[in-house]
Every structure is written in structure tokens, then in C-alpha cells.
Protein backbone atom coordinates (compact mmCIF):
# COMPACT_ATOMS: atom_id res chain seq x y z
CA UNK A 1 -18.19 21.93 10.17
CA UNK A 2 -19.91 18.90 10.75
CA UNK A 3 -23.34 20.53 11.15
CA UNK A 4 -22.71 22.33 7.99
CA UNK A 5 -22.73 19.06 6.13
CA UNK A 6 -25.45 17.28 7.99
CA UNK A 7 -23.06 15.29 10.23
CA UNK A 8 -23.45 15.02 13.98
CA UNK A 9 -20.19 14.38 15.72
CA UNK A 10 -21.84 13.70 19.10
CA UNK A 11 -20.46 10.29 19.06
CA UNK A 12 -17.03 10.35 17.18
CA UNK A 13 -13.68 8.74 17.11
CA UNK A 14 -10.58 9.55 14.99
CA UNK A 15 -8.83 6.26 14.01
CA UNK A 16 -5.67 5.64 12.00
CA UNK A 17 -5.18 2.47 10.00
CA UNK A 18 -1.84 1.19 9.72
CA UNK A 19 0.36 3.17 6.92
CA UNK A 20 0.40 2.15 3.37
CA UNK A 21 3.99 1.44 2.24
CA UNK A 22 6.23 4.51 2.67
CA UNK A 23 4.12 7.73 2.33
CA UNK A 24 0.31 6.98 2.65
CA UNK A 25 -2.20 5.81 5.21
CA UNK A 26 -5.91 5.63 6.09
CA UNK A 27 -7.56 7.88 8.36
CA UNK A 28 -11.13 6.81 9.71
CA UNK A 29 -13.49 9.23 11.35
CA UNK A 30 -16.47 7.60 12.99
CA UNK A 31 -19.52 9.46 13.65
CA UNK A 32 -23.23 8.73 14.75
CA UNK A 33 -24.26 7.84 11.06
CA UNK A 34 -21.35 5.66 10.35
CA UNK A 35 -17.77 6.46 9.31
CA UNK A 36 -15.83 8.29 6.74
CA UNK A 37 -12.55 6.73 5.39
CA UNK A 38 -9.71 8.46 3.33
CA UNK A 39 -6.25 7.69 2.08
CA UNK A 40 -3.88 10.51 2.34
CA UNK A 41 -0.20 11.57 2.83
CA UNK A 42 0.96 12.04 6.44
CA UNK A 43 -2.07 9.94 7.90
CA UNK A 44 -0.57 9.71 11.46
CA UNK A 45 -0.09 13.53 11.72
CA UNK A 46 -3.35 14.34 10.14
CA UNK A 47 -5.41 11.75 12.38
CA UNK A 48 -3.75 13.40 15.45
CA UNK A 49 -4.67 16.89 14.23
CA UNK A 50 -8.23 15.88 13.47
CA UNK A 51 -8.62 14.30 17.01
CA UNK A 52 -7.26 17.50 18.75
CA UNK A 53 -9.68 19.62 16.58
CA UNK A 54 -12.62 17.57 17.37
CA UNK A 55 -11.44 17.34 20.99
CA UNK A 56 -11.80 13.45 20.93
CA UNK A 57 -9.17 10.82 21.72
CA UNK A 58 -7.17 9.43 18.77
CA UNK A 59 -7.46 5.56 18.91
CA UNK A 60 -5.23 3.52 16.81
CA UNK A 61 -6.81 0.76 14.99
CA UNK A 62 -5.63 -1.58 12.21
CA UNK A 63 -8.58 -1.83 9.85
CA UNK A 64 -6.72 -4.42 7.68
CA UNK A 65 -7.20 -7.00 10.48
CA UNK A 66 -11.06 -6.99 10.06
CA UNK A 67 -12.26 -10.30 8.76
CA UNK A 68 -9.18 -12.05 9.21
CA UNK A 69 -9.62 -15.67 9.98
CA UNK A 70 -8.06 -16.97 13.40
CA UNK A 71 -4.57 -18.07 13.15
CA UNK A 72 -3.82 -15.93 10.11
CA UNK A 73 -1.06 -13.56 10.54
CA UNK A 74 1.44 -11.38 8.48
CA UNK A 75 4.79 -13.07 8.06
CA UNK A 76 6.68 -10.25 10.06
CA UNK A 77 3.87 -10.03 12.78
CA UNK A 78 2.45 -6.68 11.48
CA UNK A 79 1.55 -5.17 8.17
CA UNK A 80 -1.41 -4.37 5.73
CA UNK A 81 -3.65 -7.61 5.58
CA UNK A 82 -4.03 -9.52 3.20
CA UNK A 83 -1.35 -7.59 1.17
CA UNK A 84 1.27 -8.78 3.69
CA UNK A 85 0.52 -12.37 2.78
CA UNK A 86 2.52 -11.64 -0.54
CA UNK A 87 6.26 -12.28 0.44
CA UNK A 88 8.67 -10.74 -1.84
CA UNK A 89 12.66 -11.24 -1.55
CA UNK A 90 15.46 -9.65 -3.45
CA UNK A 91 18.70 -11.60 -3.68
CA UNK A 92 21.75 -10.83 -5.83
CA UNK A 93 20.33 -12.78 -8.72
CA UNK A 94 16.62 -12.56 -8.62
CA UNK A 95 13.45 -11.06 -7.16
CA UNK A 96 11.00 -13.82 -5.98
CA UNK A 97 7.41 -13.32 -5.16
CA UNK A 98 5.46 -16.04 -3.18
CA UNK A 99 1.69 -15.46 -3.48
CA UNK A 100 -0.75 -16.47 -0.59
CA UNK A 101 -1.91 -19.50 -2.69
CA UNK A 102 1.57 -20.70 -2.96
CA UNK A 103 2.34 -19.71 -6.41
CA UNK A 104 5.92 -18.56 -6.90
CA UNK A 105 6.76 -15.87 -9.37
CA UNK A 106 10.22 -14.71 -10.17
CA UNK A 107 12.46 -12.58 -12.26
CA UNK A 108 16.26 -12.54 -12.83
CA UNK A 109 17.84 -9.21 -11.94
CA UNK A 110 19.49 -9.57 -15.40
CA UNK A 111 16.41 -9.96 -17.14
CA UNK A 112 14.48 -7.35 -15.61
CA UNK A 113 12.98 -5.01 -18.22
CA UNK A 114 10.33 -2.77 -16.58
CA UNK A 115 9.16 -1.71 -13.20
CA UNK A 116 5.51 -0.41 -13.11
CA UNK A 117 3.05 0.55 -10.64
CA UNK A 118 -0.58 0.24 -11.53
CA UNK A 119 -3.10 2.02 -9.49
CA UNK A 120 -7.04 1.61 -9.17
CA UNK A 121 -9.92 3.27 -7.49
CA UNK A 122 -10.94 0.35 -5.22
CA UNK A 123 -9.16 1.79 -1.98
CA UNK A 124 -9.29 2.07 0.74
CA UNK A 125 -11.22 -1.21 1.23
CA UNK A 126 -9.43 -2.95 -1.75
CA UNK A 127 -6.09 -3.50 -2.99
CA UNK A 128 -5.39 -0.29 -5.00
CA UNK A 129 -1.75 -0.38 -5.84
CA UNK A 130 0.17 -3.17 -7.55
CA UNK A 131 3.96 -3.59 -8.48
CA UNK A 132 4.52 -5.26 -11.72
CA UNK A 133 8.12 -6.32 -12.40
CA UNK A 134 8.27 -7.42 -16.04
CA UNK A 135 11.16 -9.70 -17.48
CA UNK A 136 12.35 -10.26 -21.00
CA UNK A 137 11.18 -13.89 -20.96
CA UNK A 138 7.36 -14.50 -21.11
CA UNK A 139 7.25 -16.51 -17.78
CA UNK A 140 9.48 -14.03 -15.95
CA UNK A 141 7.84 -11.57 -13.85
CA UNK A 142 6.22 -10.70 -10.53
CA UNK A 143 3.03 -8.89 -9.64
CA UNK A 144 2.39 -7.98 -5.90
CA UNK A 145 0.40 -5.46 -4.02
CA UNK A 146 1.66 -2.46 -2.14
CA UNK A 147 2.03 -3.57 1.34
CA UNK A 148 3.54 -6.83 0.49
CA UNK A 149 6.08 -8.27 2.93
CA UNK A 150 9.43 -7.34 1.52
CA UNK A 151 8.08 -4.38 -0.52
CA UNK A 152 10.65 -1.83 1.22
CA UNK A 153 13.54 -4.14 0.08
CA UNK A 154 12.20 -3.99 -3.55
CA UNK A 155 11.90 -0.18 -3.54
CA UNK A 156 15.32 0.01 -2.08
CA UNK A 157 16.84 -2.25 -4.88
CA UNK A 158 14.85 -0.53 -7.74
CA UNK A 159 15.64 2.99 -6.71
CA UNK A 160 19.27 2.01 -7.40
CA UNK A 161 18.59 0.99 -10.95
CA UNK A 162 19.94 3.67 -13.32
CA UNK A 163 17.25 6.15 -14.54
CA UNK A 164 14.59 4.85 -12.04
CA UNK A 165 12.02 7.65 -12.11
CA UNK A 166 11.24 8.72 -8.48
CA UNK A 167 8.93 11.15 -9.52
CA UNK A 168 6.68 8.71 -11.22
CA UNK A 169 6.90 6.60 -8.05
CA UNK A 170 5.76 9.41 -5.85
CA UNK A 171 2.99 10.08 -8.28
CA UNK A 172 1.66 6.36 -8.16
CA UNK A 173 2.07 6.57 -4.30
CA UNK A 174 -0.68 9.40 -4.31
CA UNK A 175 -2.90 8.33 -6.95
CA UNK A 176 -6.36 6.87 -6.16
CA UNK A 177 -7.63 6.39 -9.71
CA UNK A 178 -6.92 3.85 -12.33
CA UNK A 179 -3.46 4.71 -13.80
CA UNK A 180 -0.31 3.08 -14.86
CA UNK A 181 3.09 4.61 -13.80
CA UNK A 182 6.33 3.19 -15.61
CA UNK A 183 9.12 3.87 -13.03
CA UNK A 184 11.96 2.33 -15.10
CA UNK A 185 12.76 0.54 -18.16
CA UNK A 186 15.98 -1.23 -19.25
CA UNK A 187 18.03 0.60 -21.79
CA UNK A 188 17.59 -0.80 -25.33
């Protein structure tokens, strides 16, 4: 297949970047002319299958760690960098997002009006998925990237909201273009 498309796989490796959120990850195929990166569902399994097909070793690599300043770490010791530097917590009364610059955003659970996921075409090298939690008051709300520390707890919480649209969420997780997915709106 490589020769057909003008690629020489004489020197190649199949790498797997750390998974994005719940469903997707980045697979990297290095070859003599550079590398090819793509985001997909089931990245771990696909990387293993590609490595076996090319008869090359699969080597795990956390691509997000590149360009990281010494001493900078994700709060839980692992995760998608720099997205993991956004720390989101869910309590019984509010959702709080602490941004890397120290800014704190919050929305009361009772004031939450909308959960939206916005995607863009900047991946896999840029932050291509953002959560928007919109409150009823002008200063109430949170915006954080997919891969933020605490994202799994937010997902667990919002999926319990009556009428949460899991189909919209799944579509957002698979989208690599500029789009907006409203996953939940408060009843009027």
C-alpha cells in the first residue's frame, strides 16, 4: 500500500498517543519522509493492528508531552497536555473550572441551562473539542477542553440530567470539523 501512494515504509514505527476522553485517540505512523497522524475511534486497537500489518513494533508515545516545560505536569500525573491543566470539579452545588492561568469559572447546578460541545478542525495538534456549560446568569458558566482533569466526572454528572442527548455527545466525540452539539438544555 505504501508504494502505491509514494511512501517508503523502510523506516517506520506505529505510535499511539494517549487516548482523548472516552472514545478517541491519535495514531501516528512514522515513515522515512516524516509522519502521518490521525484521530479515530479505537486508536489502541487500530495502532496494534497496523503495527502487526506492517510487521513493526508498536511503541507507545505520549505526543502531548512534547514541548512541555520542565516541571510541568498534569495534576493527576497523566493526561492530555496542556488540556489536563484545566481542572474541573463537580460538587453537589456547582461545577468549577480552574484554568491554567488561575482564572476560576463556575456554574451552579441549579442555574445550569445548557451543555454544549464545540468542535473545530485544529486537531490533532490543537485543542479541537471544548465543553461549554452555560448558566442562567451572565457570569455563570465554564469552558474547558476535552482532556481536562475531571472531564470524566463532568460527563458522569451531565449524563444524569433528564433528557441528556447521548447521540449528540457521541457525534461530537467523532467530529473533526467546526461544529456545535447541544447535548442538553434545561426545560423551559
